[in-house]
Amino acid sequence: MVTPGGEVAFAGRIIAESVQLRERVQWYTTMLGKLSSVPVVVGELRKHGVGNWAVAEFVQGSRTRRWGVGWSFLDRRPGVGAARAVGAGSGVEKKLLPFPAEYVVEVGDDVDGVGKRVDSILSELPLRWMWRPAIRTGVGFAGGNVWSRAARRRQNRVPRKQEPDEEDEEDEDEEEEEIVFGFKVTVSKGDGSGSQMEEREGKGVQVVIRWLKGFDSTLFESFCGMMKRKLEE
């Protein structure tokens, strides 16, 4: 409870140890008793190049507040409810929160039709995509930006083999290691029906894109932008 340098120094030592251990631990966490400690700790994480972190607020009674900071060197992204778990009056600046791992597109009013459209868009791309129409949810993985115009042009120039051989199977194993972006897409009515997520405002069909895996937020933004354009066409 008492340490030289206070809680900032204590958390700093955990961060220094985590830089050495890295992926040997999935998630590191520390709890802070002072709001002023949060920007210092997050700043230290950024200093060490940590791009996957979470900030939470714990409220006990009407006055007691604590703040939690977690971080990981792995590329599995926590949901918004865990990574940005702070209230409106928490005092934590938005710039201290990680990039939001969820994006919502509201389009149309035919939930099944929108679901089929999502499946059609992603089935045409050179990525690993699995769609479950019964729950209108799909999961996909890609080795990079395969939806840009440049990527599509390159794909069209590559001849496709008719029958895979043993080398192809080895290539597929290698591709699994090269996956840099993972996502989940859920299609539901605006009232939250048909999904396990929190109820959302709006009456249209909502396509929720959830970032599951990866370090590059620009890649996630690009993917969401592509999906939005395709769905609104």
C-alpha atoms as a PDB file:
ATOM      1  CA  MET A   1       0.000   0.000   0.000  1.00  0.00           C
ATOM      2  CA  VAL A   2       3.023   2.291   0.460  1.00  0.00           C
ATOM      3  CA  THR A   3       5.853   2.357  -2.078  1.00  0.00           C
ATOM      4  CA  PRO A   4       8.536   4.860  -3.118  1.00  0.00           C
ATOM      5  CA  GLY A   5       7.211   6.959  -5.975  1.00  0.00           C
ATOM      6  CA  GLY A   6       3.599   6.091  -5.228  1.00  0.00           C
ATOM      7  CA  GLU A   7       1.244   4.137  -7.439  1.00  0.00           C
ATOM      8  CA  VAL A   8       2.683   5.611 -10.646  1.00  0.00           C
ATOM      9  CA  ALA A   9       6.102   4.161  -9.845  1.00  0.00           C
ATOM     10  CA  PHE A  10       4.512   0.867  -8.804  1.00  0.00           C
ATOM     11  CA  ALA A  11       2.600   0.614 -12.101  1.00  0.00           C
ATOM     12  CA  GLY A  12       5.729   1.715 -13.947  1.00  0.00           C
ATOM     13  CA  ARG A  13       7.639  -1.271 -12.609  1.00  0.00           C
ATOM     14  CA  ILE A  14       4.855  -3.589 -13.799  1.00  0.00           C
ATOM     15  CA  ILE A  15       5.063  -2.002 -17.251  1.00  0.00           C
ATOM     16  CA  ALA A  16       8.853  -2.424 -17.293  1.00  0.00           C
ATOM     17  CA  GLU A  17       8.489  -6.095 -16.368  1.00  0.00           C
ATOM     18  CA  SER A  18       5.787  -6.589 -18.993  1.00  0.00           C
ATOM     19  CA  VAL A  19       8.109  -5.214 -21.679  1.00  0.00           C
ATOM     20  CA  GLN A  20      10.472  -8.055 -20.805  1.00  0.00           C
ATOM     21  CA  LEU A  21       7.810 -10.771 -20.541  1.00  0.00           C
ATOM     22  CA  ARG A  22       5.628  -9.510 -23.398  1.00  0.00           C
ATOM     23  CA  GLU A  23       3.477 -12.321 -24.909  1.00  0.00           C
ATOM     24  CA  ARG A  24       4.218 -14.734 -22.061  1.00  0.00           C
ATOM     25  CA  VAL A  25       1.300 -13.056 -20.265  1.00  0.00           C
ATOM     26  CA  GLN A  26      -1.918 -12.367 -22.187  1.00  0.00           C
ATOM     27  CA  TRP A  27      -3.019  -9.301 -20.219  1.00  0.00           C
ATOM     28  CA  TYR A  28      -1.377  -7.115 -17.597  1.00  0.00           C
ATOM     29  CA  THR A  29      -3.521  -4.979 -15.293  1.00  0.00           C
ATOM     30  CA  THR A  30      -3.121  -2.430 -12.555  1.00  0.00           C
ATOM     31  CA  MET A  31      -5.610  -0.473 -10.452  1.00  0.00           C
ATOM     32  CA  LEU A  32      -5.064   3.216  -9.682  1.00  0.00           C
ATOM     33  CA  GLY A  33      -6.522   5.318  -6.907  1.00  0.00           C
ATOM     34  CA  LYS A  34      -5.853   8.709  -8.500  1.00  0.00           C
ATOM     35  CA  LEU A  35      -7.336   9.972 -11.762  1.00  0.00           C
ATOM     36  CA  SER A  36      -4.128  11.927 -12.363  1.00  0.00           C
ATOM     37  CA  SER A  37      -2.231   8.629 -12.556  1.00  0.00           C
ATOM     38  CA  VAL A  38      -4.184   7.377 -15.588  1.00  0.00           C
ATOM     39  CA  PRO A  39      -2.591   9.680 -18.217  1.00  0.00           C
ATOM     40  CA  VAL A  40       0.881   8.958 -16.811  1.00  0.00           C
ATOM     41  CA  VAL A  41       0.412   5.195 -17.020  1.00  0.00           C
ATOM     42  CA  VAL A  42      -1.183   5.313 -20.494  1.00  0.00           C
ATOM     43  CA  GLY A  43       1.606   7.622 -21.629  1.00  0.00           C
ATOM     44  CA  GLU A  44       4.188   5.125 -20.396  1.00  0.00           C
ATOM     45  CA  LEU A  45       2.447   2.354 -22.364  1.00  0.00           C
ATOM     46  CA  ARG A  46       2.516   4.454 -25.514  1.00  0.00           C
ATOM     47  CA  LYS A  47       6.179   5.230 -24.884  1.00  0.00           C
ATOM     48  CA  HIS A  48       6.903   1.492 -25.060  1.00  0.00           C
ATOM     49  CA  GLY A  49       4.836   1.093 -28.239  1.00  0.00           C
ATOM     50  CA  VAL A  50       1.889  -0.698 -26.653  1.00  0.00           C
ATOM     51  CA  GLY A  51      -1.103  -0.306 -28.980  1.00  0.00           C
ATOM     52  CA  ASN A  52      -3.576  -2.625 -27.274  1.00  0.00           C
ATOM     53  CA  TRP A  53      -4.784  -1.358 -23.924  1.00  0.00           C
ATOM     54  CA  ALA A  54      -7.957  -0.831 -21.903  1.00  0.00           C
ATOM     55  CA  VAL A  55      -9.178   1.722 -19.353  1.00  0.00           C
ATOM     56  CA  ALA A  56     -11.937   1.054 -16.839  1.00  0.00           C
ATOM     57  CA  GLU A  57     -13.566   2.966 -14.016  1.00  0.00           C
ATOM     58  CA  PHE A  58     -14.748   1.347 -10.777  1.00  0.00           C
ATOM     59  CA  VAL A  59     -17.355   3.180  -8.717  1.00  0.00           C
ATOM     60  CA  GLN A  60     -17.932   2.259  -5.083  1.00  0.00           C
ATOM     61  CA  GLY A  61     -20.764   4.139  -3.434  1.00  0.00           C
ATOM     62  CA  SER A  62     -21.272   7.796  -4.263  1.00  0.00           C
ATOM     63  CA  ARG A  63     -17.712   9.092  -3.876  1.00  0.00           C
ATOM     64  CA  THR A  64     -15.115   6.346  -4.059  1.00  0.00           C
ATOM     65  CA  ARG A  65     -13.680   5.823  -7.515  1.00  0.00           C
ATOM     66  CA  ARG A  66     -10.824   3.731  -8.820  1.00  0.00           C
ATOM     67  CA  TRP A  67      -9.407   3.314 -12.312  1.00  0.00           C
ATOM     68  CA  GLY A  68      -8.028   0.227 -13.978  1.00  0.00           C
ATOM     69  CA  VAL A  69      -5.573   0.065 -16.868  1.00  0.00           C
ATOM     70  CA  GLY A  70      -4.871  -3.150 -18.755  1.00  0.00           C
ATOM     71  CA  TRP A  71      -2.554  -3.822 -21.676  1.00  0.00           C
ATOM     72  CA  SER A  72      -1.447  -6.656 -23.927  1.00  0.00           C
ATOM     73  CA  PHE A  73       1.302  -7.347 -26.446  1.00  0.00           C
ATOM     74  CA  LEU A  74      -0.987  -9.748 -28.279  1.00  0.00           C
ATOM     75  CA  ASP A  75      -3.305  -8.698 -31.102  1.00  0.00           C
ATOM     76  CA  ARG A  76      -6.671  -9.877 -29.766  1.00  0.00           C
ATOM     77  CA  ARG A  77      -8.827  -6.789 -29.337  1.00  0.00           C
ATOM     78  CA  PRO A  78     -11.215  -6.522 -26.355  1.00  0.00           C
ATOM     79  CA  GLY A  79     -14.731  -5.238 -26.913  1.00  0.00           C
ATOM     80  CA  VAL A  80     -15.685  -1.607 -26.383  1.00  0.00           C
ATOM     81  CA  GLY A  81     -17.457  -2.475 -23.135  1.00  0.00           C
ATOM     82  CA  ALA A  82     -14.184  -3.726 -21.680  1.00  0.00           C
ATOM     83  CA  ALA A  83     -11.596  -1.488 -23.344  1.00  0.00           C
ATOM     84  CA  ARG A  84     -13.454   1.806 -22.833  1.00  0.00           C
ATOM     85  CA  ALA A  85     -15.353   1.034 -19.627  1.00  0.00           C
ATOM     86  CA  VAL A  86     -15.638   4.575 -18.310  1.00  0.00           C
ATOM     87  CA  GLY A  87     -18.725   6.626 -17.541  1.00  0.00           C
ATOM     88  CA  ALA A  88     -19.599  10.014 -19.010  1.00  0.00           C
ATOM     89  CA  GLY A  89     -18.473  11.836 -15.875  1.00  0.00           C
ATOM     90  CA  SER A  90     -15.394   9.762 -15.169  1.00  0.00           C
ATOM     91  CA  GLY A  91     -12.960  12.571 -15.964  1.00  0.00           C
ATOM     92  CA  VAL A  92     -10.875  10.303 -18.213  1.00  0.00           C
ATOM     93  CA  GLU A  93     -10.046  12.183 -21.411  1.00  0.00           C
ATOM     94  CA  LYS A  94     -11.045  10.492 -24.652  1.00  0.00           C
ATOM     95  CA  LYS A  95      -7.486  10.710 -25.943  1.00  0.00           C
ATOM     96  CA  LEU A  96      -6.469   8.282 -23.185  1.00  0.00           C
ATOM     97  CA  LEU A  97      -8.919   5.624 -24.373  1.00  0.00           C
ATOM     98  CA  PRO A  98      -7.919   3.009 -26.965  1.00  0.00           C
ATOM     99  CA  PHE A  99      -9.243   3.102 -30.507  1.00  0.00           C
ATOM    100  CA  PRO A 100     -12.898   1.934 -30.480  1.00  0.00           C
ATOM    101  CA  ALA A 101     -13.089  -1.653 -31.704  1.00  0.00           C
ATOM    102  CA  GLU A 102     -16.688  -1.409 -32.900  1.00  0.00           C
ATOM    103  CA  TYR A 103     -18.356   0.355 -35.815  1.00  0.00           C
ATOM    104  CA  VAL A 104     -22.081   0.501 -36.616  1.00  0.00           C
ATOM    105  CA  VAL A 105     -23.714   1.018 -40.004  1.00  0.00           C
ATOM    106  CA  GLU A 106     -27.484   1.515 -40.107  1.00  0.00           C
ATOM    107  CA  VAL A 107     -29.010   0.648 -43.455  1.00  0.00           C
ATOM    108  CA  GLY A 108     -32.415  -0.471 -44.796  1.00  0.00           C
ATOM    109  CA  ASP A 109     -35.196  -2.241 -42.944  1.00  0.00           C
ATOM    110  CA  ASP A 110     -34.949  -5.830 -44.294  1.00  0.00           C
ATOM    111  CA  VAL A 111     -32.689  -7.584 -41.805  1.00  0.00           C
ATOM    112  CA  ASP A 112     -32.447 -10.816 -43.818  1.00  0.00           C
ATOM    113  CA  GLY A 113     -31.763  -8.903 -47.021  1.00  0.00           C
ATOM    114  CA  VAL A 114     -28.986  -6.897 -45.373  1.00  0.00           C
ATOM    115  CA  GLY A 115     -27.531 -10.109 -43.974  1.00  0.00           C
ATOM    116  CA  LYS A 116     -27.402 -11.658 -47.441  1.00  0.00           C
ATOM    117  CA  ARG A 117     -25.790  -8.488 -48.758  1.00  0.00           C
ATOM    118  CA  VAL A 118     -23.074  -8.639 -46.079  1.00  0.00           C
ATOM    119  CA  ASP A 119     -22.373 -12.278 -46.918  1.00  0.00           C
ATOM    120  CA  SER A 120     -22.247 -11.484 -50.638  1.00  0.00           C
ATOM    121  CA  ILE A 121     -19.805  -8.585 -50.189  1.00  0.00           C
ATOM    122  CA  LEU A 122     -17.371 -10.546 -48.054  1.00  0.00           C
ATOM    123  CA  SER A 123     -17.664 -13.819 -49.965  1.00  0.00           C
ATOM    124  CA  GLU A 124     -16.280 -12.059 -53.043  1.00  0.00           C
ATOM    125  CA  LEU A 125     -13.088 -10.983 -51.246  1.00  0.00           C
ATOM    126  CA  PRO A 126      -9.927 -13.133 -50.945  1.00  0.00           C
ATOM    127  CA  LEU A 127     -10.226 -13.620 -47.209  1.00  0.00           C
ATOM    128  CA  ARG A 128     -11.408 -16.330 -44.834  1.00  0.00           C
ATOM    129  CA  TRP A 129     -15.071 -15.738 -44.167  1.00  0.00           C
ATOM    130  CA  MET A 130     -17.674 -17.850 -42.383  1.00  0.00           C
ATOM    131  CA  TRP A 131     -21.289 -16.680 -42.303  1.00  0.00           C
ATOM    132  CA  ARG A 132     -24.022 -18.193 -40.100  1.00  0.00           C
ATOM    133  CA  PRO A 133     -27.361 -17.023 -41.550  1.00  0.00           C
ATOM    134  CA  ALA A 134     -29.406 -18.434 -38.668  1.00  0.00           C
ATOM    135  CA  ILE A 135     -27.923 -15.884 -36.276  1.00  0.00           C
ATOM    136  CA  ARG A 136     -26.894 -13.379 -38.974  1.00  0.00           C
ATOM    137  CA  THR A 137     -23.319 -13.316 -37.736  1.00  0.00           C
ATOM    138  CA  GLY A 138     -20.047 -13.905 -39.526  1.00  0.00           C
ATOM    139  CA  VAL A 139     -16.350 -13.987 -38.700  1.00  0.00           C
ATOM    140  CA  GLY A 140     -13.522 -13.247 -41.105  1.00  0.00           C
ATOM    141  CA  PHE A 141      -9.735 -13.086 -41.227  1.00  0.00           C
ATOM    142  CA  ALA A 142      -7.435 -11.425 -43.737  1.00  0.00           C
ATOM    143  CA  GLY A 143      -3.721 -11.121 -44.365  1.00  0.00           C
ATOM    144  CA  GLY A 144      -3.990  -7.427 -45.144  1.00  0.00           C
ATOM    145  CA  ASN A 145      -6.055  -4.899 -47.074  1.00  0.00           C
ATOM    146  CA  VAL A 146      -7.583  -7.231 -49.660  1.00  0.00           C
ATOM    147  CA  TRP A 147     -10.581  -4.972 -50.354  1.00  0.00           C
ATOM    148  CA  SER A 148      -8.797  -1.977 -51.889  1.00  0.00           C
ATOM    149  CA  ARG A 149      -8.910  -1.427 -55.635  1.00  0.00           C
ATOM    150  CA  ALA A 150      -5.192  -2.093 -55.940  1.00  0.00           C
ATOM    151  CA  ALA A 151      -5.552  -5.408 -54.084  1.00  0.00           C
ATOM    152  CA  ARG A 152      -8.459  -6.461 -56.313  1.00  0.00           C
ATOM    153  CA  ARG A 153      -6.470  -5.647 -59.441  1.00  0.00           C
ATOM    154  CA  ARG A 154      -3.544  -7.731 -58.216  1.00  0.00           C
ATOM    155  CA  GLN A 155      -5.890 -10.602 -57.390  1.00  0.00           C
ATOM    156  CA  ASN A 156      -7.385 -10.529 -60.884  1.00  0.00           C
ATOM    157  CA  ARG A 157      -3.915 -10.816 -62.438  1.00  0.00           C
ATOM    158  CA  VAL A 158      -3.019 -13.948 -60.440  1.00  0.00           C
ATOM    159  CA  PRO A 159      -4.045 -17.171 -62.254  1.00  0.00           C
ATOM    160  CA  ARG A 160      -6.002 -19.662 -60.159  1.00  0.00           C
ATOM    161  CA  LYS A 161      -5.010 -23.328 -59.972  1.00  0.00           C
ATOM    162  CA  GLN A 162      -7.721 -25.860 -60.632  1.00  0.00           C
ATOM    163  CA  GLU A 163      -6.562 -28.523 -58.183  1.00  0.00           C
ATOM    164  CA  PRO A 164      -4.564 -27.930 -54.994  1.00  0.00           C
ATOM    165  CA  ASP A 165      -1.432 -29.990 -54.399  1.00  0.00           C
ATOM    166  CA  GLU A 166       0.732 -30.603 -51.347  1.00  0.00           C
ATOM    167  CA  GLU A 167       2.545 -27.295 -51.831  1.00  0.00           C
ATOM    168  CA  ASP A 168      -0.777 -25.481 -51.827  1.00  0.00           C
ATOM    169  CA  GLU A 169      -1.648 -27.061 -48.503  1.00  0.00           C
ATOM    170  CA  GLU A 170       1.690 -25.902 -47.086  1.00  0.00           C
ATOM    171  CA  ASP A 171       0.996 -22.405 -48.388  1.00  0.00           C
ATOM    172  CA  GLU A 172      -2.371 -22.415 -46.630  1.00  0.00           C
ATOM    173  CA  ASP A 173      -0.641 -23.302 -43.361  1.00  0.00           C
ATOM    174  CA  GLU A 174       1.747 -20.398 -43.888  1.00  0.00           C
ATOM    175  CA  GLU A 175      -1.141 -18.043 -44.601  1.00  0.00           C
ATOM    176  CA  GLU A 176      -2.639 -18.846 -41.224  1.00  0.00           C
ATOM    177  CA  GLU A 177       0.455 -17.337 -39.611  1.00  0.00           C
ATOM    178  CA  GLU A 178       0.196 -14.235 -41.793  1.00  0.00           C
ATOM    179  CA  ILE A 179      -3.304 -13.218 -40.670  1.00  0.00           C
ATOM    180  CA  VAL A 180      -3.111  -9.614 -39.477  1.00  0.00           C
ATOM    181  CA  PHE A 181      -6.775  -8.647 -39.276  1.00  0.00           C
ATOM    182  CA  GLY A 182      -9.794 -10.399 -37.785  1.00  0.00           C
ATOM    183  CA  PHE A 183     -13.370  -9.157 -37.515  1.00  0.00           C
ATOM    184  CA  LYS A 184     -16.937 -10.152 -36.687  1.00  0.00           C
ATOM    185  CA  VAL A 185     -20.050  -8.787 -38.383  1.00  0.00           C
ATOM    186  CA  THR A 186     -23.485  -8.992 -36.771  1.00  0.00           C
ATOM    187  CA  VAL A 187     -26.718  -7.902 -38.457  1.00  0.00           C
ATOM    188  CA  SER A 188     -29.739  -7.098 -36.293  1.00  0.00           C
ATOM    189  CA  LYS A 189     -32.702  -4.793 -35.889  1.00  0.00           C
ATOM    190  CA  GLY A 190     -32.050  -1.449 -34.240  1.00  0.00           C
ATOM    191  CA  ASP A 191     -33.773  -2.527 -31.037  1.00  0.00           C
ATOM    192  CA  GLY A 192     -31.040  -5.115 -30.430  1.00  0.00           C
ATOM    193  CA  SER A 193     -33.244  -8.113 -31.236  1.00  0.00           C
ATOM    194  CA  GLY A 194     -31.495 -11.141 -32.667  1.00  0.00           C
ATOM    195  CA  SER A 195     -28.158 -10.377 -31.024  1.00  0.00           C
ATOM    196  CA  GLN A 196     -26.452 -10.653 -27.683  1.00  0.00           C
ATOM    197  CA  MET A 197     -25.303  -7.047 -27.674  1.00  0.00           C
ATOM    198  CA  GLU A 198     -26.691  -4.187 -25.697  1.00  0.00           C
ATOM    199  CA  GLU A 199     -29.867  -2.650 -27.065  1.00  0.00           C
ATOM    200  CA  ARG A 200     -29.169   0.180 -29.448  1.00  0.00           C
ATOM    201  CA  GLU A 201     -31.149   3.185 -30.485  1.00  0.00           C
ATOM    202  CA  GLY A 202     -32.617   3.324 -33.962  1.00  0.00           C
ATOM    203  CA  LYS A 203     -35.270   1.454 -35.916  1.00  0.00           C
ATOM    204  CA  GLY A 204     -33.309   0.394 -39.001  1.00  0.00           C
ATOM    205  CA  VAL A 205     -31.127  -2.629 -39.562  1.00  0.00           C
ATOM    206  CA  GLN A 206     -27.774  -2.285 -37.882  1.00  0.00           C
ATOM    207  CA  VAL A 207     -24.587  -3.882 -39.113  1.00  0.00           C
ATOM    208  CA  VAL A 208     -22.118  -4.008 -36.242  1.00  0.00           C
ATOM    209  CA  ILE A 209     -18.487  -4.543 -37.231  1.00  0.00           C
ATOM    210  CA  ARG A 210     -16.339  -5.720 -34.349  1.00  0.00           C
ATOM    211  CA  TRP A 211     -12.531  -5.654 -34.498  1.00  0.00           C
ATOM    212  CA  LEU A 212     -11.273  -9.005 -33.168  1.00  0.00           C
ATOM    213  CA  LYS A 213      -7.612  -9.253 -34.126  1.00  0.00           C
ATOM    214  CA  GLY A 214      -4.797  -7.009 -35.291  1.00  0.00           C
ATOM    215  CA  PHE A 215      -2.675  -4.007 -34.380  1.00  0.00           C
ATOM    216  CA  ASP A 216      -3.442  -1.636 -37.274  1.00  0.00           C
ATOM    217  CA  SER A 217      -6.415   0.626 -36.514  1.00  0.00           C
ATOM    218  CA  THR A 218      -6.081   2.157 -39.998  1.00  0.00           C
ATOM    219  CA  LEU A 219      -6.809  -1.264 -41.479  1.00  0.00           C
ATOM    220  CA  PHE A 220      -9.957  -1.547 -39.361  1.00  0.00           C
ATOM    221  CA  GLU A 221     -11.072   1.955 -40.378  1.00  0.00           C
ATOM    222  CA  SER A 222     -10.504   1.148 -44.044  1.00  0.00           C
ATOM    223  CA  PHE A 223     -12.516  -2.066 -43.765  1.00  0.00           C
ATOM    224  CA  CYS A 224     -15.409  -0.279 -42.043  1.00  0.00           C
ATOM    225  CA  GLY A 225     -15.383   2.440 -44.695  1.00  0.00           C
ATOM    226  CA  MET A 226     -15.534  -0.157 -47.458  1.00  0.00           C
ATOM    227  CA  MET A 227     -18.429  -1.980 -45.793  1.00  0.00           C
ATOM    228  CA  LYS A 228     -20.338   1.263 -45.282  1.00  0.00           C
ATOM    229  CA  ARG A 229     -19.965   2.254 -48.943  1.00  0.00           C
ATOM    230  CA  LYS A 230     -20.962  -1.186 -50.215  1.00  0.00           C
ATOM    231  CA  LEU A 231     -23.991  -1.435 -47.939  1.00  0.00           C
ATOM    232  CA  GLU A 232     -25.252   2.045 -48.826  1.00  0.00           C
ATOM    233  CA  GLU A 233     -24.947   1.517 -52.574  1.00  0.00           C
END
